[in-house]
PDB file of N, CA and C in Angstrom:
ATOM      1  N   MET A   1       0.827  -1.196   0.000  1.00  0.00           N
ATOM      2  CA  MET A   1       0.000   0.000   0.000  1.00  0.00           C
ATOM      3  C   MET A   1       0.876   1.268   0.000  1.00  0.00           C
ATOM      4  N   ILE A   2       1.978   1.235   0.754  1.00  0.00           N
ATOM      5  CA  ILE A   2       2.879   2.389   0.805  1.00  0.00           C
ATOM      6  C   ILE A   2       3.460   2.678  -0.576  1.00  0.00           C
ATOM      7  N   ILE A   3       3.866   1.626  -1.291  1.00  0.00           N
ATOM      8  CA  ILE A   3       4.433   1.804  -2.642  1.00  0.00           C
ATOM      9  C   ILE A   3       3.407   2.480  -3.543  1.00  0.00           C
ATOM     10  N   LYS A   4       2.168   2.052  -3.481  1.00  0.00           N
ATOM     11  CA  LYS A   4       1.121   2.621  -4.333  1.00  0.00           C
ATOM     12  C   LYS A   4       0.876   4.088  -3.991  1.00  0.00           C
ATOM     13  N   LEU A   5       0.877   4.414  -2.712  1.00  0.00           N
ATOM     14  CA  LEU A   5       0.730   5.814  -2.309  1.00  0.00           C
ATOM     15  C   LEU A   5       1.915   6.656  -2.776  1.00  0.00           C
ATOM     16  N   LEU A   6       3.108   6.105  -2.683  1.00  0.00           N
ATOM     17  CA  LEU A   6       4.298   6.837  -3.135  1.00  0.00           C
ATOM     18  C   LEU A   6       4.284   7.066  -4.647  1.00  0.00           C
ATOM     19  N   ILE A   7       3.820   6.080  -5.389  1.00  0.00           N
ATOM     20  CA  ILE A   7       3.696   6.252  -6.847  1.00  0.00           C
ATOM     21  C   ILE A   7       2.737   7.401  -7.134  1.00  0.00           C
ATOM     22  N   GLY A   8       1.592   7.409  -6.477  1.00  0.00           N
ATOM     23  CA  GLY A   8       0.625   8.487  -6.658  1.00  0.00           C
ATOM     24  C   GLY A   8       1.176   9.837  -6.233  1.00  0.00           C
ATOM     25  N   PHE A   9       1.887   9.867  -5.112  1.00  0.00           N
ATOM     26  CA  PHE A   9       2.488  11.102  -4.613  1.00  0.00           C
ATOM     27  C   PHE A   9       3.492  11.652  -5.624  1.00  0.00           C
ATOM     28  N   PHE A  10       4.363  10.787  -6.122  1.00  0.00           N
ATOM     29  CA  PHE A  10       5.363  11.204  -7.100  1.00  0.00           C
ATOM     30  C   PHE A  10       4.691  11.683  -8.390  1.00  0.00           C
ATOM     31  N   ALA A  11       3.674  10.968  -8.840  1.00  0.00           N
ATOM     32  CA  ALA A  11       2.946  11.371 -10.050  1.00  0.00           C
ATOM     33  C   ALA A  11       2.274  12.727  -9.848  1.00  0.00           C
ATOM     34  N   GLY A  12       1.763  12.967  -8.649  1.00  0.00           N
ATOM     35  CA  GLY A  12       1.140  14.257  -8.352  1.00  0.00           C
ATOM     36  C   GLY A  12       2.142  15.399  -8.398  1.00  0.00           C
ATOM     37  N   ILE A  13       3.323  15.173  -7.846  1.00  0.00           N
ATOM     38  CA  ILE A  13       4.363  16.204  -7.881  1.00  0.00           C
ATOM     39  C   ILE A  13       4.767  16.489  -9.325  1.00  0.00           C
ATOM     40  N   ILE A  14       4.983  15.437 -10.103  1.00  0.00           N
ATOM     41  CA  ILE A  14       5.359  15.603 -11.511  1.00  0.00           C
ATOM     42  C   ILE A  14       4.242  16.303 -12.278  1.00  0.00           C
ATOM     43  N   SER A  15       2.998  15.932 -12.001  1.00  0.00           N
ATOM     44  CA  SER A  15       1.862  16.550 -12.663  1.00  0.00           C
ATOM     45  C   SER A  15       1.800  18.042 -12.374  1.00  0.00           C
ATOM     46  N   GLY A  16       1.961  18.416 -11.120  1.00  0.00           N
ATOM     47  CA  GLY A  16       1.921  19.823 -10.760  1.00  0.00           C
ATOM     48  C   GLY A  16       3.101  20.603 -11.305  1.00  0.00           C
ATOM     49  N   PHE A  17       4.255  19.982 -11.312  1.00  0.00           N
ATOM     50  CA  PHE A  17       5.477  20.660 -11.734  1.00  0.00           C
ATOM     51  C   PHE A  17       5.592  20.774 -13.252  1.00  0.00           C
ATOM     52  N   PHE A  18       5.333  19.685 -13.962  1.00  0.00           N
ATOM     53  CA  PHE A  18       5.519  19.651 -15.407  1.00  0.00           C
ATOM     54  C   PHE A  18       4.220  19.683 -16.208  1.00  0.00           C
ATOM     55  N   SER A  19       3.082  19.636 -15.546  1.00  0.00           N
ATOM     56  CA  SER A  19       1.767  19.626 -16.215  1.00  0.00           C
ATOM     57  C   SER A  19       1.595  18.428 -17.135  1.00  0.00           C
ATOM     58  N   THR A  20       2.062  17.266 -16.714  1.00  0.00           N
ATOM     59  CA  THR A  20       1.979  16.087 -17.564  1.00  0.00           C
ATOM     60  C   THR A  20       0.707  15.292 -17.356  1.00  0.00           C
ATOM     61  N   GLY A  21      -0.004  15.519 -16.274  1.00  0.00           N
ATOM     62  CA  GLY A  21      -1.156  14.691 -15.963  1.00  0.00           C
ATOM     63  C   GLY A  21      -0.757  13.432 -15.217  1.00  0.00           C
ATOM     64  N   GLY A  22       0.496  13.167 -15.108  1.00  0.00           N
ATOM     65  CA  GLY A  22       0.978  12.030 -14.333  1.00  0.00           C
ATOM     66  C   GLY A  22       1.121  10.736 -15.106  1.00  0.00           C
ATOM     67  N   GLY A  23       0.568  10.655 -16.301  1.00  0.00           N
ATOM     68  CA  GLY A  23       0.615   9.412 -17.068  1.00  0.00           C
ATOM     69  C   GLY A  23       2.018   8.944 -17.414  1.00  0.00           C
ATOM     70  N   LEU A  24       2.924   9.884 -17.599  1.00  0.00           N
ATOM     71  CA  LEU A  24       4.304   9.504 -17.916  1.00  0.00           C
ATOM     72  C   LEU A  24       4.972   8.815 -16.739  1.00  0.00           C
ATOM     73  N   ILE A  25       4.481   9.050 -15.560  1.00  0.00           N
ATOM     74  CA  ILE A  25       5.000   8.393 -14.359  1.00  0.00           C
ATOM     75  C   ILE A  25       4.175   7.152 -14.039  1.00  0.00           C
ATOM     76  N   LEU A  26       2.861   7.293 -14.093  1.00  0.00           N
ATOM     77  CA  LEU A  26       1.982   6.207 -13.654  1.00  0.00           C
ATOM     78  C   LEU A  26       2.085   4.955 -14.522  1.00  0.00           C
ATOM     79  N   VAL A  27       2.048   5.100 -15.826  1.00  0.00           N
ATOM     80  CA  VAL A  27       2.063   3.914 -16.702  1.00  0.00           C
ATOM     81  C   VAL A  27       3.329   3.080 -16.492  1.00  0.00           C
ATOM     82  N   PRO A  28       4.532   3.686 -16.584  1.00  0.00           N
ATOM     83  CA  PRO A  28       5.724   2.867 -16.332  1.00  0.00           C
ATOM     84  C   PRO A  28       5.779   2.313 -14.897  1.00  0.00           C
ATOM     85  N   ALA A  29       5.348   3.105 -13.924  1.00  0.00           N
ATOM     86  CA  ALA A  29       5.370   2.624 -12.534  1.00  0.00           C
ATOM     87  C   ALA A  29       4.452   1.422 -12.360  1.00  0.00           C
ATOM     88  N   TYR A  30       3.274   1.496 -12.930  1.00  0.00           N
ATOM     89  CA  TYR A  30       2.337   0.367 -12.824  1.00  0.00           C
ATOM     90  C   TYR A  30       2.897  -0.870 -13.514  1.00  0.00           C
ATOM     91  N   MET A  31       3.533  -0.645 -14.664  1.00  0.00           N
ATOM     92  CA  MET A  31       4.044  -1.785 -15.433  1.00  0.00           C
ATOM     93  C   MET A  31       5.264  -2.415 -14.775  1.00  0.00           C
ATOM     94  N   TYR A  32       6.214  -1.602 -14.335  1.00  0.00           N
ATOM     95  CA  TYR A  32       7.499  -2.143 -13.902  1.00  0.00           C
ATOM     96  C   TYR A  32       7.636  -2.295 -12.392  1.00  0.00           C
ATOM     97  N   ILE A  33       6.931  -1.502 -11.623  1.00  0.00           N
ATOM     98  CA  ILE A  33       6.994  -1.657 -10.167  1.00  0.00           C
ATOM     99  C   ILE A  33       5.876  -2.574  -9.676  1.00  0.00           C
ATOM    100  N   LEU A  34       4.657  -2.350 -10.192  1.00  0.00           N
ATOM    101  CA  LEU A  34       3.513  -3.158  -9.747  1.00  0.00           C
ATOM    102  C   LEU A  34       3.239  -4.363 -10.644  1.00  0.00           C
ATOM    103  N   LYS A  35       4.022  -4.520 -11.714  1.00  0.00           N
ATOM    104  CA  LYS A  35       3.936  -5.676 -12.622  1.00  0.00           C
ATOM    105  C   LYS A  35       2.544  -5.822 -13.270  1.00  0.00           C
ATOM    106  N   MET A  36       1.946  -4.711 -13.641  1.00  0.00           N
ATOM    107  CA  MET A  36       0.641  -4.700 -14.281  1.00  0.00           C
ATOM    108  C   MET A  36       0.836  -4.787 -15.797  1.00  0.00           C
ATOM    109  N   ASN A  37      -0.062  -5.458 -16.517  1.00  0.00           N
ATOM    110  CA  ASN A  37       0.075  -5.472 -17.977  1.00  0.00           C
ATOM    111  C   ASN A  37      -0.182  -4.067 -18.520  1.00  0.00           C
ATOM    112  N   SER A  38       0.340  -3.784 -19.701  1.00  0.00           N
ATOM    113  CA  SER A  38       0.343  -2.411 -20.201  1.00  0.00           C
ATOM    114  C   SER A  38      -1.058  -1.848 -20.441  1.00  0.00           C
ATOM    115  N   LYS A  39      -1.987  -2.658 -20.900  1.00  0.00           N
ATOM    116  CA  LYS A  39      -3.339  -2.143 -21.126  1.00  0.00           C
ATOM    117  C   LYS A  39      -4.022  -1.783 -19.814  1.00  0.00           C
ATOM    118  N   LYS A  40      -3.875  -2.625 -18.813  1.00  0.00           N
ATOM    119  CA  LYS A  40      -4.458  -2.331 -17.506  1.00  0.00           C
ATOM    120  C   LYS A  40      -3.751  -1.118 -16.877  1.00  0.00           C
ATOM    121  N   ALA A  41      -2.436  -1.007 -17.079  1.00  0.00           N
ATOM    122  CA  ALA A  41      -1.684   0.135 -16.550  1.00  0.00           C
ATOM    123  C   ALA A  41      -2.188   1.432 -17.160  1.00  0.00           C
ATOM    124  N   ARG A  42      -2.431   1.432 -18.458  1.00  0.00           N
ATOM    125  CA  ARG A  42      -2.922   2.636 -19.133  1.00  0.00           C
ATOM    126  C   ARG A  42      -4.322   3.002 -18.659  1.00  0.00           C
ATOM    127  N   GLY A  43      -5.191   2.014 -18.559  1.00  0.00           N
ATOM    128  CA  GLY A  43      -6.556   2.274 -18.090  1.00  0.00           C
ATOM    129  C   GLY A  43      -6.581   2.788 -16.665  1.00  0.00           C
ATOM    130  N   THR A  44      -5.779   2.198 -15.811  1.00  0.00           N
ATOM    131  CA  THR A  44      -5.717   2.624 -14.413  1.00  0.00           C
ATOM    132  C   THR A  44      -5.139   4.037 -14.316  1.00  0.00           C
ATOM    133  N   ALA A  45      -4.121   4.314 -15.116  1.00  0.00           N
ATOM    134  CA  ALA A  45      -3.508   5.647 -15.107  1.00  0.00           C
ATOM    135  C   ALA A  45      -4.505   6.715 -15.542  1.00  0.00           C
ATOM    136  N   ILE A  46      -5.276   6.430 -16.580  1.00  0.00           N
ATOM    137  CA  ILE A  46      -6.269   7.395 -17.053  1.00  0.00           C
ATOM    138  C   ILE A  46      -7.243   7.737 -15.935  1.00  0.00           C
ATOM    139  N   PHE A  47      -7.675   6.728 -15.188  1.00  0.00           N
ATOM    140  CA  PHE A  47      -8.600   6.967 -14.084  1.00  0.00           C
ATOM    141  C   PHE A  47      -7.942   7.829 -12.998  1.00  0.00           C
ATOM    142  N   CYS A  48      -6.681   7.579 -12.719  1.00  0.00           N
ATOM    143  CA  CYS A  48      -5.968   8.310 -11.658  1.00  0.00           C
ATOM    144  C   CYS A  48      -5.588   9.730 -12.063  1.00  0.00           C
ATOM    145  N   ILE A  49      -5.484   9.980 -13.339  1.00  0.00           N
ATOM    146  CA  ILE A  49      -5.034  11.283 -13.815  1.00  0.00           C
ATOM    147  C   ILE A  49      -6.046  12.381 -13.513  1.00  0.00           C
ATOM    148  N   LEU A  50      -7.329  12.081 -13.544  1.00  0.00           N
ATOM    149  CA  LEU A  50      -8.355  13.112 -13.346  1.00  0.00           C
ATOM    150  C   LEU A  50      -8.154  13.905 -12.056  1.00  0.00           C
ATOM    151  N   PRO A  51      -8.006  13.263 -10.890  1.00  0.00           N
ATOM    152  CA  PRO A  51      -7.787  14.073  -9.681  1.00  0.00           C
ATOM    153  C   PRO A  51      -6.481  14.878  -9.722  1.00  0.00           C
ATOM    154  N   LEU A  52      -5.442  14.325 -10.356  1.00  0.00           N
ATOM    155  CA  LEU A  52      -4.187  15.062 -10.476  1.00  0.00           C
ATOM    156  C   LEU A  52      -4.377  16.325 -11.308  1.00  0.00           C
ATOM    157  N   VAL A  53      -5.085  16.186 -12.412  1.00  0.00           N
ATOM    158  CA  VAL A  53      -5.301  17.313 -13.312  1.00  0.00           C
ATOM    159  C   VAL A  53      -6.189  18.369 -12.660  1.00  0.00           C
ATOM    160  N   ILE A  54      -7.233  17.948 -11.976  1.00  0.00           N
ATOM    161  CA  ILE A  54      -8.116  18.906 -11.310  1.00  0.00           C
ATOM    162  C   ILE A  54      -7.340  19.707 -10.264  1.00  0.00           C
ATOM    163  N   THR A  55      -6.550  19.018  -9.464  1.00  0.00           N
ATOM    164  CA  THR A  55      -5.771  19.692  -8.424  1.00  0.00           C
ATOM    165  C   THR A  55      -4.799  20.698  -9.017  1.00  0.00           C
ATOM    166  N   SER A  56      -4.043  20.289 -10.027  1.00  0.00           N
ATOM    167  CA  SER A  56      -3.091  21.199 -10.669  1.00  0.00           C
ATOM    168  C   SER A  56      -3.813  22.338 -11.384  1.00  0.00           C
ATOM    169  N   SER A  57      -4.949  22.049 -11.996  1.00  0.00           N
ATOM    170  CA  SER A  57      -5.697  23.075 -12.733  1.00  0.00           C
ATOM    171  C   SER A  57      -6.159  24.204 -11.827  1.00  0.00           C
ATOM    172  N   ILE A  58      -6.499  23.887 -10.601  1.00  0.00           N
ATOM    173  CA  ILE A  58      -6.924  24.932  -9.659  1.00  0.00           C
ATOM    174  C   ILE A  58      -5.788  25.942  -9.462  1.00  0.00           C
ATOM    175  N   PHE A  59      -4.574  25.442  -9.282  1.00  0.00           N
ATOM    176  CA  PHE A  59      -3.427  26.330  -9.131  1.00  0.00           C
ATOM    177  C   PHE A  59      -3.233  27.180 -10.385  1.00  0.00           C
ATOM    178  N   TYR A  60      -3.253  26.534 -11.554  1.00  0.00           N
ATOM    179  CA  TYR A  60      -3.026  27.266 -12.795  1.00  0.00           C
ATOM    180  C   TYR A  60      -4.138  28.283 -13.044  1.00  0.00           C
ATOM    181  N   TYR A  61      -5.373  27.944 -12.699  1.00  0.00           N
ATOM    182  CA  TYR A  61      -6.497  28.867 -12.831  1.00  0.00           C
ATOM    183  C   TYR A  61      -6.302  30.090 -11.932  1.00  0.00           C
ATOM    184  N   LYS A  62      -5.956  29.854 -10.679  1.00  0.00           N
ATOM    185  CA  LYS A  62      -5.775  30.958  -9.719  1.00  0.00           C
ATOM    186  C   LYS A  62      -4.661  31.903 -10.150  1.00  0.00           C
ATOM    187  N   ASN A  63      -3.688  31.412 -10.869  1.00  0.00           N
ATOM    188  CA  ASN A  63      -2.573  32.244 -11.314  1.00  0.00           C
ATOM    189  C   ASN A  63      -2.737  32.732 -12.753  1.00  0.00           C
ATOM    190  N   ASN A  64      -3.932  32.544 -13.306  1.00  0.00           N
ATOM    191  CA  ASN A  64      -4.266  33.015 -14.654  1.00  0.00           C
ATOM    192  C   ASN A  64      -3.310  32.474 -15.716  1.00  0.00           C
ATOM    193  N   TYR A  65      -2.996  31.166 -15.621  1.00  0.00           N
ATOM    194  CA  TYR A  65      -2.089  30.527 -16.566  1.00  0.00           C
ATOM    195  C   TYR A  65      -2.823  29.710 -17.634  1.00  0.00           C
ATOM    196  N   ILE A  66      -4.115  29.912 -17.787  1.00  0.00           N
ATOM    197  CA  ILE A  66      -4.886  29.100 -18.734  1.00  0.00           C
ATOM    198  C   ILE A  66      -5.335  29.960 -19.912  1.00  0.00           C
ATOM    199  N   ASN A  67      -5.046  29.489 -21.108  1.00  0.00           N
ATOM    200  CA  ASN A  67      -5.560  30.095 -22.330  1.00  0.00           C
ATOM    201  C   ASN A  67      -6.874  29.362 -22.621  1.00  0.00           C
ATOM    202  N   TRP A  68      -7.995  29.977 -22.275  1.00  0.00           N
ATOM    203  CA  TRP A  68      -9.293  29.293 -22.296  1.00  0.00           C
ATOM    204  C   TRP A  68      -9.728  28.870 -23.689  1.00  0.00           C
ATOM    205  N   LYS A  69      -9.475  29.702 -24.700  1.00  0.00           N
ATOM    206  CA  LYS A  69      -9.867  29.343 -26.067  1.00  0.00           C
ATOM    207  C   LYS A  69      -9.097  28.100 -26.517  1.00  0.00           C
ATOM    208  N   LEU A  70      -7.780  28.128 -26.343  1.00  0.00           N
ATOM    209  CA  LEU A  70      -6.954  26.983 -26.717  1.00  0.00           C
ATOM    210  C   LEU A  70      -7.343  25.747 -25.905  1.00  0.00           C
ATOM    211  N   ALA A  71      -7.538  25.927 -24.601  1.00  0.00           N
ATOM    212  CA  ALA A  71      -7.883  24.799 -23.725  1.00  0.00           C
ATOM    213  C   ALA A  71      -9.207  24.160 -24.141  1.00  0.00           C
ATOM    214  N   THR A  72     -10.176  24.973 -24.482  1.00  0.00           N
ATOM    215  CA  THR A  72     -11.492  24.445 -24.883  1.00  0.00           C
ATOM    216  C   THR A  72     -11.391  23.662 -26.186  1.00  0.00           C
ATOM    217  N   LEU A  73     -10.691  24.227 -27.166  1.00  0.00           N
ATOM    218  CA  LEU A  73     -10.543  23.532 -28.448  1.00  0.00           C
ATOM    219  C   LEU A  73      -9.763  22.225 -28.282  1.00  0.00           C
ATOM    220  N   CYS A  74      -8.701  22.262 -27.508  1.00  0.00           N
ATOM    221  CA  CYS A  74      -7.913  21.043 -27.276  1.00  0.00           C
ATOM    222  C   CYS A  74      -8.705  20.011 -26.480  1.00  0.00           C
ATOM    223  N   ALA A  75      -9.541  20.470 -25.553  1.00  0.00           N
ATOM    224  CA  ALA A  75     -10.361  19.543 -24.771  1.00  0.00           C
ATOM    225  C   ALA A  75     -11.359  18.819 -25.677  1.00  0.00           C
ATOM    226  N   ILE A  76     -11.947  19.543 -26.625  1.00  0.00           N
ATOM    227  CA  ILE A  76     -12.880  18.907 -27.572  1.00  0.00           C
ATOM    228  C   ILE A  76     -12.130  17.876 -28.411  1.00  0.00           C
ATOM    229  N   GLY A  77     -11.001  18.286 -28.980  1.00  0.00           N
ATOM    230  CA  GLY A  77     -10.196  17.352 -29.775  1.00  0.00           C
ATOM    231  C   GLY A  77      -9.692  16.185 -28.941  1.00  0.00           C
ATOM    232  N   GLY A  78      -9.290  16.466 -27.710  1.00  0.00           N
ATOM    233  CA  GLY A  78      -8.796  15.423 -26.811  1.00  0.00           C
ATOM    234  C   GLY A  78      -9.864  14.410 -26.437  1.00  0.00           C
ATOM    235  N   THR A  79     -11.082  14.878 -26.282  1.00  0.00           N
ATOM    236  CA  THR A  79     -12.193  13.973 -25.969  1.00  0.00           C
ATOM    237  C   THR A  79     -12.431  13.011 -27.125  1.00  0.00           C
ATOM    238  N   ILE A  80     -12.455  13.539 -28.323  1.00  0.00           N
ATOM    239  CA  ILE A  80     -12.648  12.695 -29.509  1.00  0.00           C
ATOM    240  C   ILE A  80     -11.455  11.759 -29.684  1.00  0.00           C
ATOM    241  N   GLY A  81     -10.239  12.294 -29.571  1.00  0.00           N
ATOM    242  CA  GLY A  81      -9.036  11.481 -29.711  1.00  0.00           C
ATOM    243  C   GLY A  81      -8.930  10.420 -28.627  1.00  0.00           C
ATOM    244  N   GLY A  82      -9.320  10.762 -27.398  1.00  0.00           N
ATOM    245  CA  GLY A  82      -9.298   9.795 -26.300  1.00  0.00           C
ATOM    246  C   GLY A  82     -10.230   8.628 -26.553  1.00  0.00           C
ATOM    247  N   PHE A  83     -11.400   8.921 -27.108  1.00  0.00           N
ATOM    248  CA  PHE A  83     -12.359   7.861 -27.439  1.00  0.00           C
ATOM    249  C   PHE A  83     -11.781   6.932 -28.503  1.00  0.00           C
ATOM    250  N   ILE A  84     -11.230   7.531 -29.549  1.00  0.00           N
ATOM    251  CA  ILE A  84     -10.655   6.728 -30.640  1.00  0.00           C
ATOM    252  C   ILE A  84      -9.445   5.943 -30.135  1.00  0.00           C
ATOM    253  N   GLY A  85      -8.580   6.591 -29.354  1.00  0.00           N
ATOM    254  CA  GLY A  85      -7.405   5.919 -28.811  1.00  0.00           C
ATOM    255  C   GLY A  85      -7.772   4.729 -27.933  1.00  0.00           C
ATOM    256  N   ALA A  86      -8.804   4.887 -27.121  1.00  0.00           N
ATOM    257  CA  ALA A  86      -9.243   3.783 -26.257  1.00  0.00           C
ATOM    258  C   ALA A  86      -9.780   2.616 -27.089  1.00  0.00           C
ATOM    259  N   LYS A  87     -10.463   2.925 -28.190  1.00  0.00           N
ATOM    260  CA  LYS A  87     -10.958   1.868 -29.081  1.00  0.00           C
ATOM    261  C   LYS A  87      -9.792   1.121 -29.735  1.00  0.00           C
ATOM    262  N   ILE A  88      -8.783   1.874 -30.183  1.00  0.00           N
ATOM    263  CA  ILE A  88      -7.618   1.262 -30.823  1.00  0.00           C
ATOM    264  C   ILE A  88      -6.815   0.447 -29.812  1.00  0.00           C
ATOM    265  N   LEU A  89      -6.732   0.930 -28.558  1.00  0.00           N
ATOM    266  CA  LEU A  89      -5.956   0.268 -27.514  1.00  0.00           C
ATOM    267  C   LEU A  89      -6.314  -1.202 -27.367  1.00  0.00           C
ATOM    268  N   LYS A  90      -7.592  -1.505 -27.378  1.00  0.00           N
ATOM    269  CA  LYS A  90      -7.989  -2.901 -27.147  1.00  0.00           C
ATOM    270  C   LYS A  90      -7.674  -3.814 -28.329  1.00  0.00           C
ATOM    271  N   LYS A  91      -7.325  -3.234 -29.478  1.00  0.00           N
ATOM    272  CA  LYS A  91      -7.009  -4.039 -30.658  1.00  0.00           C
ATOM    273  C   LYS A  91      -5.518  -4.257 -30.874  1.00  0.00           C
ATOM    274  N   LEU A  92      -4.687  -3.420 -30.247  1.00  0.00           N
ATOM    275  CA  LEU A  92      -3.243  -3.509 -30.480  1.00  0.00           C
ATOM    276  C   LEU A  92      -2.561  -4.451 -29.487  1.00  0.00           C
ATOM    277  N   PRO A  93      -1.584  -5.207 -29.954  1.00  0.00           N
ATOM    278  CA  PRO A  93      -0.804  -6.049 -29.038  1.00  0.00           C
ATOM    279  C   PRO A  93       0.008  -5.176 -28.069  1.00  0.00           C
ATOM    280  N   GLU A  94       0.233  -5.695 -26.862  1.00  0.00           N
ATOM    281  CA  GLU A  94       0.969  -4.937 -25.849  1.00  0.00           C
ATOM    282  C   GLU A  94       2.361  -4.547 -26.321  1.00  0.00           C
ATOM    283  N   ARG A  95       3.021  -5.426 -27.047  1.00  0.00           N
ATOM    284  CA  ARG A  95       4.388  -5.128 -27.515  1.00  0.00           C
ATOM    285  C   ARG A  95       4.391  -3.883 -28.399  1.00  0.00           C
ATOM    286  N   ILE A  96       3.418  -3.751 -29.280  1.00  0.00           N
ATOM    287  CA  ILE A  96       3.329  -2.573 -30.154  1.00  0.00           C
ATOM    288  C   ILE A  96       3.070  -1.324 -29.320  1.00  0.00           C
ATOM    289  N   LEU A  97       2.185  -1.437 -28.326  1.00  0.00           N
ATOM    290  CA  LEU A  97       1.911  -0.299 -27.446  1.00  0.00           C
ATOM    291  C   LEU A  97       3.171   0.155 -26.722  1.00  0.00           C
ATOM    292  N   ASN A  98       3.923  -0.796 -26.191  1.00  0.00           N
ATOM    293  CA  ASN A  98       5.139  -0.457 -25.455  1.00  0.00           C
ATOM    294  C   ASN A  98       6.180   0.191 -26.353  1.00  0.00           C
ATOM    295  N   ILE A  99       6.355  -0.342 -27.543  1.00  0.00           N
ATOM    296  CA  ILE A  99       7.324   0.227 -28.484  1.00  0.00           C
ATOM    297  C   ILE A  99       6.891   1.632 -28.894  1.00  0.00           C
ATOM    298  N   THR A 100       5.624   1.809 -29.200  1.00  0.00           N
ATOM    299  CA  THR A 100       5.107   3.119 -29.599  1.00  0.00           C
ATOM    300  C   THR A 100       5.277   4.131 -28.477  1.00  0.00           C
ATOM    301  N   PHE A 101       4.966   3.734 -27.260  1.00  0.00           N
ATOM    302  CA  PHE A 101       5.106   4.628 -26.101  1.00  0.00           C
ATOM    303  C   PHE A 101       6.569   5.018 -25.901  1.00  0.00           C
ATOM    304  N   ALA A 102       7.470   4.071 -26.015  1.00  0.00           N
ATOM    305  CA  ALA A 102       8.901   4.354 -25.856  1.00  0.00           C
ATOM    306  C   ALA A 102       9.393   5.313 -26.939  1.00  0.00           C
ATOM    307  N   ILE A 103       8.982   5.095 -28.177  1.00  0.00           N
ATOM    308  CA  ILE A 103       9.373   5.985 -29.273  1.00  0.00           C
ATOM    309  C   ILE A 103       8.841   7.397 -29.021  1.00  0.00           C
ATOM    310  N   PHE A 104       7.601   7.481 -28.577  1.00  0.00           N
ATOM    311  CA  PHE A 104       7.010   8.776 -28.264  1.00  0.00           C
ATOM    312  C   PHE A 104       7.816   9.488 -27.176  1.00  0.00           C
ATOM    313  N   LEU A 105       8.164   8.788 -26.108  1.00  0.00           N
ATOM    314  CA  LEU A 105       8.929   9.391 -25.016  1.00  0.00           C
ATOM    315  C   LEU A 105      10.304   9.852 -25.485  1.00  0.00           C
ATOM    316  N   ILE A 106      10.954   9.045 -26.295  1.00  0.00           N
ATOM    317  CA  ILE A 106      12.277   9.415 -26.820  1.00  0.00           C
ATOM    318  C   ILE A 106      12.169  10.652 -27.710  1.00  0.00           C
ATOM    319  N   TYR A 107      11.175  10.676 -28.583  1.00  0.00           N
ATOM    320  CA  TYR A 107      10.977  11.816 -29.481  1.00  0.00           C
ATOM    321  C   TYR A 107      10.730  13.102 -28.693  1.00  0.00           C
ATOM    322  N   VAL A 108       9.802  13.049 -27.736  1.00  0.00           N
ATOM    323  CA  VAL A 108       9.481  14.226 -26.946  1.00  0.00           C
ATOM    324  C   VAL A 108      10.691  14.673 -26.126  1.00  0.00           C
ATOM    325  N   SER A 109      11.407  13.730 -25.563  1.00  0.00           N
ATOM    326  CA  SER A 109      12.616  14.063 -24.795  1.00  0.00           C
ATOM    327  C   SER A 109      13.639  14.765 -25.684  1.00  0.00           C
ATOM    328  N   TYR A 110      13.854  14.240 -26.859  1.00  0.00           N
ATOM    329  CA  TYR A 110      14.797  14.835 -27.805  1.00  0.00           C
ATOM    330  C   TYR A 110      14.374  16.279 -28.147  1.00  0.00           C
ATOM    331  N   LYS A 111      13.096  16.468 -28.462  1.00  0.00           N
ATOM    332  CA  LYS A 111      12.602  17.804 -28.822  1.00  0.00           C
ATOM    333  C   LYS A 111      12.756  18.783 -27.668  1.00  0.00           C
ATOM    334  N   MET A 112      12.503  18.332 -26.454  1.00  0.00           N
ATOM    335  CA  MET A 112      12.618  19.222 -25.295  1.00  0.00           C
ATOM    336  C   MET A 112      14.071  19.603 -25.029  1.00  0.00           C
ATOM    337  N   ILE A 113      14.970  18.670 -25.179  1.00  0.00           N
ATOM    338  CA  ILE A 113      16.392  18.941 -24.948  1.00  0.00           C
ATOM    339  C   ILE A 113      16.929  19.901 -26.003  1.00  0.00           C
ATOM    340  N   ASN A 114      16.472  19.762 -27.229  1.00  0.00           N
ATOM    341  CA  ASN A 114      16.980  20.575 -28.333  1.00  0.00           C
ATOM    342  C   ASN A 114      16.135  21.808 -28.654  1.00  0.00           C
ATOM    343  N   SER A 115      15.283  22.215 -27.751  1.00  0.00           N
ATOM    344  CA  SER A 115      14.477  23.424 -28.032  1.00  0.00           C
ATOM    345  C   SER A 115      15.046  24.644 -27.359  1.00  0.00           C
TER     346      SER A 115
END
């Protein structure tokens, strides 16, 4: 139970600090520390991300750090994309999901370092 609380605590700190929603921490932690399969790890992370995002959003709202027009448009697109992504998730083999996720993380890391 302590490990699970620490994973959530760490994801919350990362979410508040980097605005990631915690998924970049939760999915690998669930897979490699808690030995959860990747599809269950992703589903569980999505459920856990909502409270992290709400908590961080309150801070960003109070400090006027939200571009409401952009946020609204991205939220609409994200809702549609999330639905489609969840449908695709159940059809893809775990190995493909893991490789795709790793490539995505490497790409984003590279772009952030070189920006």
